[in-house]
PDB file of N, CA and C in Angstrom:
ATOM      1  N   MET A   1      20.960   7.262  -8.690  1.00  0.00           N
ATOM      2  CA  MET A   1      21.006   6.062  -7.875  1.00  0.00           C
ATOM      3  C   MET A   1      22.107   6.163  -6.818  1.00  0.00           C
ATOM      4  N   THR A   2      23.202   6.762  -7.196  1.00  0.00           N
ATOM      5  CA  THR A   2      24.307   6.904  -6.240  1.00  0.00           C
ATOM      6  C   THR A   2      23.879   7.735  -5.039  1.00  0.00           C
ATOM      7  N   LEU A   3      23.158   8.827  -5.303  1.00  0.00           N
ATOM      8  CA  LEU A   3      22.680   9.667  -4.201  1.00  0.00           C
ATOM      9  C   LEU A   3      21.731   8.910  -3.289  1.00  0.00           C
ATOM     10  N   LEU A   4      20.835   8.119  -3.875  1.00  0.00           N
ATOM     11  CA  LEU A   4      19.889   7.344  -3.066  1.00  0.00           C
ATOM     12  C   LEU A   4      20.607   6.284  -2.236  1.00  0.00           C
ATOM     13  N   LYS A   5      21.596   5.642  -2.829  1.00  0.00           N
ATOM     14  CA  LYS A   5      22.367   4.639  -2.089  1.00  0.00           C
ATOM     15  C   LYS A   5      23.141   5.280  -0.946  1.00  0.00           C
ATOM     16  N   ASN A   6      23.714   6.450  -1.210  1.00  0.00           N
ATOM     17  CA  ASN A   6      24.421   7.169  -0.154  1.00  0.00           C
ATOM     18  C   ASN A   6      23.471   7.578   0.966  1.00  0.00           C
ATOM     19  N   HIS A   7      22.278   8.024   0.587  1.00  0.00           N
ATOM     20  CA  HIS A   7      21.284   8.415   1.595  1.00  0.00           C
ATOM     21  C   HIS A   7      20.854   7.207   2.428  1.00  0.00           C
ATOM     22  N   LYS A   8      20.681   6.088   1.773  1.00  0.00           N
ATOM     23  CA  LYS A   8      20.300   4.868   2.495  1.00  0.00           C
ATOM     24  C   LYS A   8      21.372   4.506   3.523  1.00  0.00           C
ATOM     25  N   GLU A   9      22.619   4.601   3.136  1.00  0.00           N
ATOM     26  CA  GLU A   9      23.719   4.302   4.046  1.00  0.00           C
ATOM     27  C   GLU A   9      23.756   5.306   5.206  1.00  0.00           C
ATOM     28  N   PHE A  10      23.520   6.571   4.880  1.00  0.00           N
ATOM     29  CA  PHE A  10      23.473   7.612   5.903  1.00  0.00           C
ATOM     30  C   PHE A  10      22.376   7.314   6.926  1.00  0.00           C
ATOM     31  N   THR A  11      21.188   6.932   6.432  1.00  0.00           N
ATOM     32  CA  THR A  11      20.083   6.663   7.365  1.00  0.00           C
ATOM     33  C   THR A  11      20.368   5.448   8.236  1.00  0.00           C
ATOM     34  N   LYS A  12      21.067   4.466   7.698  1.00  0.00           N
ATOM     35  CA  LYS A  12      21.436   3.299   8.506  1.00  0.00           C
ATOM     36  C   LYS A  12      22.326   3.714   9.674  1.00  0.00           C
ATOM     37  N   ILE A  13      23.243   4.619   9.396  1.00  0.00           N
ATOM     38  CA  ILE A  13      24.203   5.054  10.415  1.00  0.00           C
ATOM     39  C   ILE A  13      23.545   5.974  11.442  1.00  0.00           C
ATOM     40  N   LYS A  14      22.711   6.906  10.987  1.00  0.00           N
ATOM     41  CA  LYS A  14      22.191   7.970  11.844  1.00  0.00           C
ATOM     42  C   LYS A  14      20.791   7.733  12.410  1.00  0.00           C
ATOM     43  N   SER A  15      20.083   6.725  11.959  1.00  0.00           N
ATOM     44  CA  SER A  15      18.645   6.629  12.231  1.00  0.00           C
ATOM     45  C   SER A  15      18.248   6.324  13.667  1.00  0.00           C
ATOM     46  N   ASN A  16      19.161   5.928  14.506  1.00  0.00           N
ATOM     47  CA  ASN A  16      18.812   5.580  15.887  1.00  0.00           C
ATOM     48  C   ASN A  16      17.713   4.520  15.957  1.00  0.00           C
ATOM     49  N   ASN A  17      17.692   3.628  14.977  1.00  0.00           N
ATOM     50  CA  ASN A  17      16.709   2.532  14.909  1.00  0.00           C
ATOM     51  C   ASN A  17      15.266   3.023  14.861  1.00  0.00           C
ATOM     52  N   ASN A  18      15.021   4.202  14.312  1.00  0.00           N
ATOM     53  CA  ASN A  18      13.650   4.714  14.272  1.00  0.00           C
ATOM     54  C   ASN A  18      12.937   4.453  12.948  1.00  0.00           C
ATOM     55  N   ASN A  19      13.615   3.892  11.964  1.00  0.00           N
ATOM     56  CA  ASN A  19      13.030   3.489  10.687  1.00  0.00           C
ATOM     57  C   ASN A  19      12.491   4.659   9.855  1.00  0.00           C
ATOM     58  N   PHE A  20      12.956   5.893  10.109  1.00  0.00           N
ATOM     59  CA  PHE A  20      12.557   7.027   9.295  1.00  0.00           C
ATOM     60  C   PHE A  20      13.406   7.062   8.030  1.00  0.00           C
ATOM     61  N   VAL A  21      12.824   7.544   6.953  1.00  0.00           N
ATOM     62  CA  VAL A  21      13.559   7.695   5.703  1.00  0.00           C
ATOM     63  C   VAL A  21      14.175   9.086   5.636  1.00  0.00           C
ATOM     64  N   ASN A  22      13.394  10.079   5.988  1.00  0.00           N
ATOM     65  CA  ASN A  22      13.853  11.465   5.930  1.00  0.00           C
ATOM     66  C   ASN A  22      14.293  11.907   7.319  1.00  0.00           C
ATOM     67  N   ILE A  23      15.602  11.872   7.541  1.00  0.00           N
ATOM     68  CA  ILE A  23      16.128  12.245   8.847  1.00  0.00           C
ATOM     69  C   ILE A  23      17.108  13.403   8.705  1.00  0.00           C
ATOM     70  N   ASN A  24      17.272  14.135   9.803  1.00  0.00           N
ATOM     71  CA  ASN A  24      18.252  15.218   9.796  1.00  0.00           C
ATOM     72  C   ASN A  24      19.608  14.668  10.228  1.00  0.00           C
ATOM     73  N   THR A  25      20.581  15.536  10.354  1.00  0.00           N
ATOM     74  CA  THR A  25      21.939  15.079  10.664  1.00  0.00           C
ATOM     75  C   THR A  25      22.060  14.479  12.059  1.00  0.00           C
ATOM     76  N   LYS A  26      21.052  14.726  12.924  1.00  0.00           N
ATOM     77  CA  LYS A  26      21.055  14.144  14.265  1.00  0.00           C
ATOM     78  C   LYS A  26      20.309  12.809  14.309  1.00  0.00           C
ATOM     79  N   GLY A  27      19.733  12.396  13.180  1.00  0.00           N
ATOM     80  CA  GLY A  27      19.017  11.129  13.123  1.00  0.00           C
ATOM     81  C   GLY A  27      17.561  11.230  13.506  1.00  0.00           C
ATOM     82  N   ASN A  28      17.050  12.449  13.654  1.00  0.00           N
ATOM     83  CA  ASN A  28      15.646  12.661  14.011  1.00  0.00           C
ATOM     84  C   ASN A  28      14.802  12.884  12.765  1.00  0.00           C
ATOM     85  N   TRP A  29      13.504  12.711  12.935  1.00  0.00           N
ATOM     86  CA  TRP A  29      12.555  12.899  11.849  1.00  0.00           C
ATOM     87  C   TRP A  29      12.675  14.305  11.284  1.00  0.00           C
ATOM     88  N   MET A  30      12.726  14.421   9.954  1.00  0.00           N
ATOM     89  CA  MET A  30      12.867  15.709   9.292  1.00  0.00           C
ATOM     90  C   MET A  30      11.485  16.322   9.075  1.00  0.00           C
ATOM     91  N   LYS A  31      11.362  17.585   9.346  1.00  0.00           N
ATOM     92  CA  LYS A  31      10.087  18.284   9.178  1.00  0.00           C
ATOM     93  C   LYS A  31       9.741  18.415   7.691  1.00  0.00           C
ATOM     94  N   LYS A  32       8.424  18.470   7.428  1.00  0.00           N
ATOM     95  CA  LYS A  32       7.923  18.458   6.059  1.00  0.00           C
ATOM     96  C   LYS A  32       8.509  19.595   5.212  1.00  0.00           C
ATOM     97  N   HIS A  33       8.628  20.795   5.753  1.00  0.00           N
ATOM     98  CA  HIS A  33       9.133  21.909   4.949  1.00  0.00           C
ATOM     99  C   HIS A  33      10.595  21.698   4.561  1.00  0.00           C
ATOM    100  N   ASN A  34      11.357  21.015   5.405  1.00  0.00           N
ATOM    101  CA  ASN A  34      12.752  20.719   5.049  1.00  0.00           C
ATOM    102  C   ASN A  34      12.818  19.700   3.917  1.00  0.00           C
ATOM    103  N   VAL A  35      11.967  18.694   3.991  1.00  0.00           N
ATOM    104  CA  VAL A  35      11.913  17.690   2.927  1.00  0.00           C
ATOM    105  C   VAL A  35      11.483  18.354   1.624  1.00  0.00           C
ATOM    106  N   ALA A  36      10.497  19.256   1.703  1.00  0.00           N
ATOM    107  CA  ALA A  36      10.011  19.947   0.508  1.00  0.00           C
ATOM    108  C   ALA A  36      11.125  20.791  -0.120  1.00  0.00           C
ATOM    109  N   ASN A  37      11.930  21.445   0.696  1.00  0.00           N
ATOM    110  CA  ASN A  37      13.045  22.251   0.170  1.00  0.00           C
ATOM    111  C   ASN A  37      14.079  21.377  -0.543  1.00  0.00           C
ATOM    112  N   ILE A  38      14.391  20.250   0.058  1.00  0.00           N
ATOM    113  CA  ILE A  38      15.342  19.326  -0.556  1.00  0.00           C
ATOM    114  C   ILE A  38      14.787  18.782  -1.872  1.00  0.00           C
ATOM    115  N   LEU A  39      13.507  18.403  -1.850  1.00  0.00           N
ATOM    116  CA  LEU A  39      12.876  17.885  -3.061  1.00  0.00           C
ATOM    117  C   LEU A  39      12.887  18.930  -4.165  1.00  0.00           C
ATOM    118  N   LYS A  40      12.646  20.195  -3.822  1.00  0.00           N
ATOM    119  CA  LYS A  40      12.674  21.260  -4.826  1.00  0.00           C
ATOM    120  C   LYS A  40      14.053  21.363  -5.470  1.00  0.00           C
ATOM    121  N   LYS A  41      15.093  21.275  -4.676  1.00  0.00           N
ATOM    122  CA  LYS A  41      16.452  21.338  -5.220  1.00  0.00           C
ATOM    123  C   LYS A  41      16.707  20.174  -6.177  1.00  0.00           C
ATOM    124  N   ILE A  42      16.263  18.990  -5.778  1.00  0.00           N
ATOM    125  CA  ILE A  42      16.440  17.806  -6.624  1.00  0.00           C
ATOM    126  C   ILE A  42      15.660  17.959  -7.924  1.00  0.00           C
ATOM    127  N   LYS A  43      14.400  18.392  -7.813  1.00  0.00           N
ATOM    128  CA  LYS A  43      13.561  18.567  -9.003  1.00  0.00           C
ATOM    129  C   LYS A  43      14.162  19.594  -9.952  1.00  0.00           C
ATOM    130  N   ASP A  44      14.649  20.708  -9.403  1.00  0.00           N
ATOM    131  CA  ASP A  44      15.247  21.741 -10.245  1.00  0.00           C
ATOM    132  C   ASP A  44      16.488  21.223 -10.952  1.00  0.00           C
ATOM    133  N   GLU A  45      17.315  20.487 -10.208  1.00  0.00           N
ATOM    134  CA  GLU A  45      18.553  19.971 -10.795  1.00  0.00           C
ATOM    135  C   GLU A  45      18.283  18.930 -11.873  1.00  0.00           C
ATOM    136  N   LEU A  46      17.306  18.065 -11.632  1.00  0.00           N
ATOM    137  CA  LEU A  46      16.995  16.993 -12.590  1.00  0.00           C
ATOM    138  C   LEU A  46      15.962  17.413 -13.628  1.00  0.00           C
ATOM    139  N   GLU A  47      15.371  18.594 -13.435  1.00  0.00           N
ATOM    140  CA  GLU A  47      14.331  19.106 -14.329  1.00  0.00           C
ATOM    141  C   GLU A  47      13.165  18.129 -14.456  1.00  0.00           C
ATOM    142  N   ILE A  48      12.664  17.705 -13.297  1.00  0.00           N
ATOM    143  CA  ILE A  48      11.506  16.807 -13.258  1.00  0.00           C
ATOM    144  C   ILE A  48      10.378  17.485 -12.484  1.00  0.00           C
ATOM    145  N   HIS A  49       9.174  17.016 -12.705  1.00  0.00           N
ATOM    146  CA  HIS A  49       8.006  17.575 -12.028  1.00  0.00           C
ATOM    147  C   HIS A  49       7.327  16.459 -11.235  1.00  0.00           C
ATOM    148  N   ILE A  50       7.610  16.429  -9.945  1.00  0.00           N
ATOM    149  CA  ILE A  50       7.000  15.446  -9.058  1.00  0.00           C
ATOM    150  C   ILE A  50       6.789  16.120  -7.709  1.00  0.00           C
ATOM    151  N   GLY A  51       5.642  15.871  -7.107  1.00  0.00           N
ATOM    152  CA  GLY A  51       5.339  16.472  -5.817  1.00  0.00           C
ATOM    153  C   GLY A  51       5.726  15.554  -4.672  1.00  0.00           C
ATOM    154  N   LEU A  52       5.820  16.142  -3.508  1.00  0.00           N
ATOM    155  CA  LEU A  52       6.159  15.376  -2.316  1.00  0.00           C
ATOM    156  C   LEU A  52       5.144  14.264  -2.080  1.00  0.00           C
ATOM    157  N   HIS A  53       3.876  14.577  -2.291  1.00  0.00           N
ATOM    158  CA  HIS A  53       2.849  13.567  -2.075  1.00  0.00           C
ATOM    159  C   HIS A  53       2.910  12.454  -3.123  1.00  0.00           C
ATOM    160  N   ASP A  54       3.370  12.779  -4.318  1.00  0.00           N
ATOM    161  CA  ASP A  54       3.530  11.769  -5.369  1.00  0.00           C
ATOM    162  C   ASP A  54       4.487  10.670  -4.920  1.00  0.00           C
ATOM    163  N   ILE A  55       5.451  11.041  -4.101  1.00  0.00           N
ATOM    164  CA  ILE A  55       6.423  10.062  -3.617  1.00  0.00           C
ATOM    165  C   ILE A  55       5.743   9.042  -2.709  1.00  0.00           C
ATOM    166  N   ARG A  56       4.717   9.460  -1.952  1.00  0.00           N
ATOM    167  CA  ARG A  56       3.951   8.509  -1.125  1.00  0.00           C
ATOM    168  C   ARG A  56       3.254   7.474  -2.018  1.00  0.00           C
ATOM    169  N   HIS A  57       2.670   7.956  -3.114  1.00  0.00           N
ATOM    170  CA  HIS A  57       2.008   7.043  -4.049  1.00  0.00           C
ATOM    171  C   HIS A  57       3.024   6.078  -4.653  1.00  0.00           C
ATOM    172  N   LEU A  58       4.163   6.603  -5.051  1.00  0.00           N
ATOM    173  CA  LEU A  58       5.228   5.768  -5.609  1.00  0.00           C
ATOM    174  C   LEU A  58       5.683   4.735  -4.584  1.00  0.00           C
ATOM    175  N   HIS A  59       5.828   5.167  -3.350  1.00  0.00           N
ATOM    176  CA  HIS A  59       6.244   4.278  -2.266  1.00  0.00           C
ATOM    177  C   HIS A  59       5.287   3.091  -2.141  1.00  0.00           C
ATOM    178  N   GLY A  60       3.986   3.385  -2.086  1.00  0.00           N
ATOM    179  CA  GLY A  60       2.985   2.322  -1.981  1.00  0.00           C
ATOM    180  C   GLY A  60       2.985   1.405  -3.190  1.00  0.00           C
ATOM    181  N   THR A  61       3.111   1.981  -4.362  1.00  0.00           N
ATOM    182  CA  THR A  61       3.109   1.189  -5.589  1.00  0.00           C
ATOM    183  C   THR A  61       4.324   0.273  -5.663  1.00  0.00           C
ATOM    184  N   LEU A  62       5.499   0.811  -5.346  1.00  0.00           N
ATOM    185  CA  LEU A  62       6.713  -0.013  -5.397  1.00  0.00           C
ATOM    186  C   LEU A  62       6.674  -1.148  -4.382  1.00  0.00           C
ATOM    187  N   LEU A  63       6.156  -0.877  -3.197  1.00  0.00           N
ATOM    188  CA  LEU A  63       6.041  -1.949  -2.199  1.00  0.00           C
ATOM    189  C   LEU A  63       5.073  -3.023  -2.676  1.00  0.00           C
ATOM    190  N   CYS A  64       3.964  -2.615  -3.257  1.00  0.00           N
ATOM    191  CA  CYS A  64       2.991  -3.580  -3.777  1.00  0.00           C
ATOM    192  C   CYS A  64       3.600  -4.376  -4.921  1.00  0.00           C
ATOM    193  N   GLN A  65       4.352  -3.712  -5.750  1.00  0.00           N
ATOM    194  CA  GLN A  65       5.012  -4.360  -6.886  1.00  0.00           C
ATOM    195  C   GLN A  65       5.958  -5.464  -6.427  1.00  0.00           C
ATOM    196  N   GLU A  66       6.524  -5.296  -5.239  1.00  0.00           N
ATOM    197  CA  GLU A  66       7.433  -6.305  -4.684  1.00  0.00           C
ATOM    198  C   GLU A  66       6.700  -7.350  -3.848  1.00  0.00           C
ATOM    199  N   ASN A  67       5.379  -7.387  -3.994  1.00  0.00           N
ATOM    200  CA  ASN A  67       4.534  -8.359  -3.289  1.00  0.00           C
ATOM    201  C   ASN A  67       4.619  -8.226  -1.772  1.00  0.00           C
ATOM    202  N   THR A  68       4.795  -6.993  -1.291  1.00  0.00           N
ATOM    203  CA  THR A  68       4.798  -6.736   0.144  1.00  0.00           C
ATOM    204  C   THR A  68       3.387  -6.914   0.681  1.00  0.00           C
ATOM    205  N   ASN A  69       3.281  -7.387   1.902  1.00  0.00           N
ATOM    206  CA  ASN A  69       1.983  -7.583   2.541  1.00  0.00           C
ATOM    207  C   ASN A  69       1.206  -6.266   2.534  1.00  0.00           C
ATOM    208  N   LEU A  70      -0.028  -6.311   2.046  1.00  0.00           N
ATOM    209  CA  LEU A  70      -0.836  -5.108   1.892  1.00  0.00           C
ATOM    210  C   LEU A  70      -1.119  -4.421   3.228  1.00  0.00           C
ATOM    211  N   LYS A  71      -1.348  -5.184   4.259  1.00  0.00           N
ATOM    212  CA  LYS A  71      -1.588  -4.604   5.583  1.00  0.00           C
ATOM    213  C   LYS A  71      -0.349  -3.816   6.025  1.00  0.00           C
ATOM    214  N   GLY A  72       0.819  -4.359   5.750  1.00  0.00           N
ATOM    215  CA  GLY A  72       2.061  -3.668   6.087  1.00  0.00           C
ATOM    216  C   GLY A  72       2.228  -2.378   5.313  1.00  0.00           C
ATOM    217  N   ILE A  73       1.866  -2.394   4.027  1.00  0.00           N
ATOM    218  CA  ILE A  73       1.949  -1.180   3.216  1.00  0.00           C
ATOM    219  C   ILE A  73       1.007  -0.127   3.779  1.00  0.00           C
ATOM    220  N   SER A  74      -0.211  -0.532   4.068  1.00  0.00           N
ATOM    221  CA  SER A  74      -1.216   0.385   4.587  1.00  0.00           C
ATOM    222  C   SER A  74      -0.774   1.011   5.903  1.00  0.00           C
ATOM    223  N   GLN A  75      -0.223   0.206   6.787  1.00  0.00           N
ATOM    224  CA  GLN A  75       0.252   0.731   8.070  1.00  0.00           C
ATOM    225  C   GLN A  75       1.447   1.654   7.869  1.00  0.00           C
ATOM    226  N   ARG A  76       2.322   1.303   6.955  1.00  0.00           N
ATOM    227  CA  ARG A  76       3.516   2.134   6.696  1.00  0.00           C
ATOM    228  C   ARG A  76       3.131   3.512   6.181  1.00  0.00           C
ATOM    229  N   LEU A  77       2.043   3.586   5.407  1.00  0.00           N
ATOM    230  CA  LEU A  77       1.566   4.861   4.881  1.00  0.00           C
ATOM    231  C   LEU A  77       0.591   5.541   5.843  1.00  0.00           C
ATOM    232  N   TRP A  78       0.373   4.954   7.002  1.00  0.00           N
ATOM    233  CA  TRP A  78      -0.508   5.478   8.048  1.00  0.00           C
ATOM    234  C   TRP A  78      -1.959   5.575   7.575  1.00  0.00           C
ATOM    235  N   HIS A  79      -2.403   4.582   6.811  1.00  0.00           N
ATOM    236  CA  HIS A  79      -3.792   4.529   6.379  1.00  0.00           C
ATOM    237  C   HIS A  79      -4.595   3.676   7.350  1.00  0.00           C
ATOM    238  N   SER A  80      -5.858   3.996   7.495  1.00  0.00           N
ATOM    239  CA  SER A  80      -6.701   3.262   8.444  1.00  0.00           C
ATOM    240  C   SER A  80      -7.144   1.907   7.903  1.00  0.00           C
ATOM    241  N   ASN A  81      -7.112   1.746   6.564  1.00  0.00           N
ATOM    242  CA  ASN A  81      -7.507   0.447   6.008  1.00  0.00           C
ATOM    243  C   ASN A  81      -6.834   0.206   4.661  1.00  0.00           C
ATOM    244  N   THR A  82      -6.795  -1.055   4.292  1.00  0.00           N
ATOM    245  CA  THR A  82      -6.108  -1.453   3.064  1.00  0.00           C
ATOM    246  C   THR A  82      -6.884  -1.063   1.809  1.00  0.00           C
ATOM    247  N   VAL A  83      -8.197  -0.934   1.917  1.00  0.00           N
ATOM    248  CA  VAL A  83      -9.000  -0.555   0.755  1.00  0.00           C
ATOM    249  C   VAL A  83      -8.596   0.833   0.270  1.00  0.00           C
ATOM    250  N   PHE A  84      -8.424   1.757   1.205  1.00  0.00           N
ATOM    251  CA  PHE A  84      -7.986   3.111   0.842  1.00  0.00           C
ATOM    252  C   PHE A  84      -6.619   3.061   0.186  1.00  0.00           C
ATOM    253  N   THR A  85      -5.713   2.288   0.752  1.00  0.00           N
ATOM    254  CA  THR A  85      -4.367   2.178   0.195  1.00  0.00           C
ATOM    255  C   THR A  85      -4.427   1.698  -1.247  1.00  0.00           C
ATOM    256  N   LEU A  86      -5.175   0.636  -1.484  1.00  0.00           N
ATOM    257  CA  LEU A  86      -5.271   0.093  -2.843  1.00  0.00           C
ATOM    258  C   LEU A  86      -5.974   1.036  -3.810  1.00  0.00           C
ATOM    259  N   ASN A  87      -7.083   1.602  -3.376  1.00  0.00           N
ATOM    260  CA  ASN A  87      -7.873   2.429  -4.283  1.00  0.00           C
ATOM    261  C   ASN A  87      -7.239   3.769  -4.605  1.00  0.00           C
ATOM    262  N   VAL A  88      -6.505   4.332  -3.666  1.00  0.00           N
ATOM    263  CA  VAL A  88      -5.985   5.684  -3.853  1.00  0.00           C
ATOM    264  C   VAL A  88      -4.487   5.711  -4.129  1.00  0.00           C
ATOM    265  N   TYR A  89      -3.731   4.864  -3.460  1.00  0.00           N
ATOM    266  CA  TYR A  89      -2.275   4.991  -3.507  1.00  0.00           C
ATOM    267  C   TYR A  89      -1.563   4.048  -4.464  1.00  0.00           C
ATOM    268  N   VAL A  90      -2.046   2.854  -4.623  1.00  0.00           N
ATOM    269  CA  VAL A  90      -1.335   1.868  -5.437  1.00  0.00           C
ATOM    270  C   VAL A  90      -1.828   1.923  -6.879  1.00  0.00           C
ATOM    271  N   LYS A  91      -0.904   2.158  -7.765  1.00  0.00           N
ATOM    272  CA  LYS A  91      -1.207   2.176  -9.198  1.00  0.00           C
ATOM    273  C   LYS A  91      -0.770   0.840  -9.796  1.00  0.00           C
ATOM    274  N   THR A  92      -1.504   0.356 -10.768  1.00  0.00           N
ATOM    275  CA  THR A  92      -1.156  -0.899 -11.419  1.00  0.00           C
ATOM    276  C   THR A  92      -0.043  -0.647 -12.426  1.00  0.00           C
ATOM    277  N   THR A  93       1.052  -1.365 -12.255  1.00  0.00           N
ATOM    278  CA  THR A  93       2.184  -1.242 -13.171  1.00  0.00           C
ATOM    279  C   THR A  93       2.293  -2.514 -14.006  1.00  0.00           C
ATOM    280  N   ASP A  94       3.089  -2.450 -15.042  1.00  0.00           N
ATOM    281  CA  ASP A  94       3.324  -3.657 -15.847  1.00  0.00           C
ATOM    282  C   ASP A  94       3.945  -4.752 -14.991  1.00  0.00           C
ATOM    283  N   GLU A  95       4.809  -4.356 -14.057  1.00  0.00           N
ATOM    284  CA  GLU A  95       5.451  -5.332 -13.178  1.00  0.00           C
ATOM    285  C   GLU A  95       4.427  -6.008 -12.256  1.00  0.00           C
ATOM    286  N   ILE A  96       3.463  -5.254 -11.753  1.00  0.00           N
ATOM    287  CA  ILE A  96       2.408  -5.830 -10.911  1.00  0.00           C
ATOM    288  C   ILE A  96       1.581  -6.809 -11.731  1.00  0.00           C
ATOM    289  N   LYS A  97       1.239  -6.440 -12.957  1.00  0.00           N
ATOM    290  CA  LYS A  97       0.480  -7.344 -13.838  1.00  0.00           C
ATOM    291  C   LYS A  97       1.260  -8.634 -14.084  1.00  0.00           C
ATOM    292  N   LYS A  98       2.555  -8.486 -14.339  1.00  0.00           N
ATOM    293  CA  LYS A  98       3.415  -9.646 -14.602  1.00  0.00           C
ATOM    294  C   LYS A  98       3.503 -10.547 -13.363  1.00  0.00           C
ATOM    295  N   ASN A  99       3.720  -9.929 -12.189  1.00  0.00           N
ATOM    296  CA  ASN A  99       3.785 -10.708 -10.942  1.00  0.00           C
ATOM    297  C   ASN A  99       2.486 -11.456 -10.688  1.00  0.00           C
ATOM    298  N   THR A 100       1.369 -10.795 -10.924  1.00  0.00           N
ATOM    299  CA  THR A 100       0.058 -11.412 -10.715  1.00  0.00           C
ATOM    300  C   THR A 100      -0.128 -12.608 -11.640  1.00  0.00           C
ATOM    301  N   ALA A 101       0.229 -12.444 -12.903  1.00  0.00           N
ATOM    302  CA  ALA A 101       0.112 -13.542 -13.866  1.00  0.00           C
ATOM    303  C   ALA A 101       1.020 -14.705 -13.475  1.00  0.00           C
ATOM    304  N   ASN A 102       2.236 -14.401 -13.035  1.00  0.00           N
ATOM    305  CA  ASN A 102       3.179 -15.452 -12.626  1.00  0.00           C
ATOM    306  C   ASN A 102       2.673 -16.215 -11.409  1.00  0.00           C
ATOM    307  N   ILE A 103       2.113 -15.503 -10.436  1.00  0.00           N
ATOM    308  CA  ILE A 103       1.586 -16.169  -9.241  1.00  0.00           C
ATOM    309  C   ILE A 103       0.440 -17.088  -9.628  1.00  0.00           C
ATOM    310  N   PHE A 104      -0.439 -16.610 -10.501  1.00  0.00           N
ATOM    311  CA  PHE A 104      -1.561 -17.450 -10.939  1.00  0.00           C
ATOM    312  C   PHE A 104      -1.048 -18.673 -11.686  1.00  0.00           C
ATOM    313  N   GLU A 105      -0.108 -18.464 -12.590  1.00  0.00           N
ATOM    314  CA  GLU A 105       0.433 -19.569 -13.377  1.00  0.00           C
ATOM    315  C   GLU A 105       1.053 -20.623 -12.475  1.00  0.00           C
ATOM    316  N   GLU A 106       1.824 -20.188 -11.461  1.00  0.00           N
ATOM    317  CA  GLU A 106       2.450 -21.125 -10.544  1.00  0.00           C
ATOM    318  C   GLU A 106       1.431 -21.890  -9.697  1.00  0.00           C
ATOM    319  N   SER A 107       0.305 -21.241  -9.421  1.00  0.00           N
ATOM    320  CA  SER A 107      -0.707 -21.897  -8.568  1.00  0.00           C
ATOM    321  C   SER A 107      -1.500 -22.965  -9.328  1.00  0.00           C
ATOM    322  N   VAL A 108      -1.593 -22.845 -10.641  1.00  0.00           N
ATOM    323  CA  VAL A 108      -2.383 -23.822 -11.411  1.00  0.00           C
ATOM    324  C   VAL A 108      -1.528 -24.880 -12.080  1.00  0.00           C
ATOM    325  N   LEU A 109      -0.238 -24.691 -12.085  1.00  0.00           N
ATOM    326  CA  LEU A 109       0.643 -25.683 -12.742  1.00  0.00           C
ATOM    327  C   LEU A 109       1.246 -26.640 -11.757  1.00  0.00           C
TER     328      LEU A 109
END
């Protein structure tokens, strides 16, 4: 978590208002092979098995879990429509189930 928080702070400082997550030291978009190399180092150090593309799925799922607008999620992942985003990228989590139940409960009470 500390590394992620530090990276978030770094991107705030260096991003040049471009809203990229993976940036180089100049604040420009990082090329895919550089991100893959960094991810490999992280995976090796933490002894985890996750692919670069898996992070896109996680990204969509976490945004959905936080009740983010689906159209916004779809556009952020560069999908042409929300149906693809939901069917392929967003996985149902216990938190999503809980949020859905809470929203329904609040609407009928």
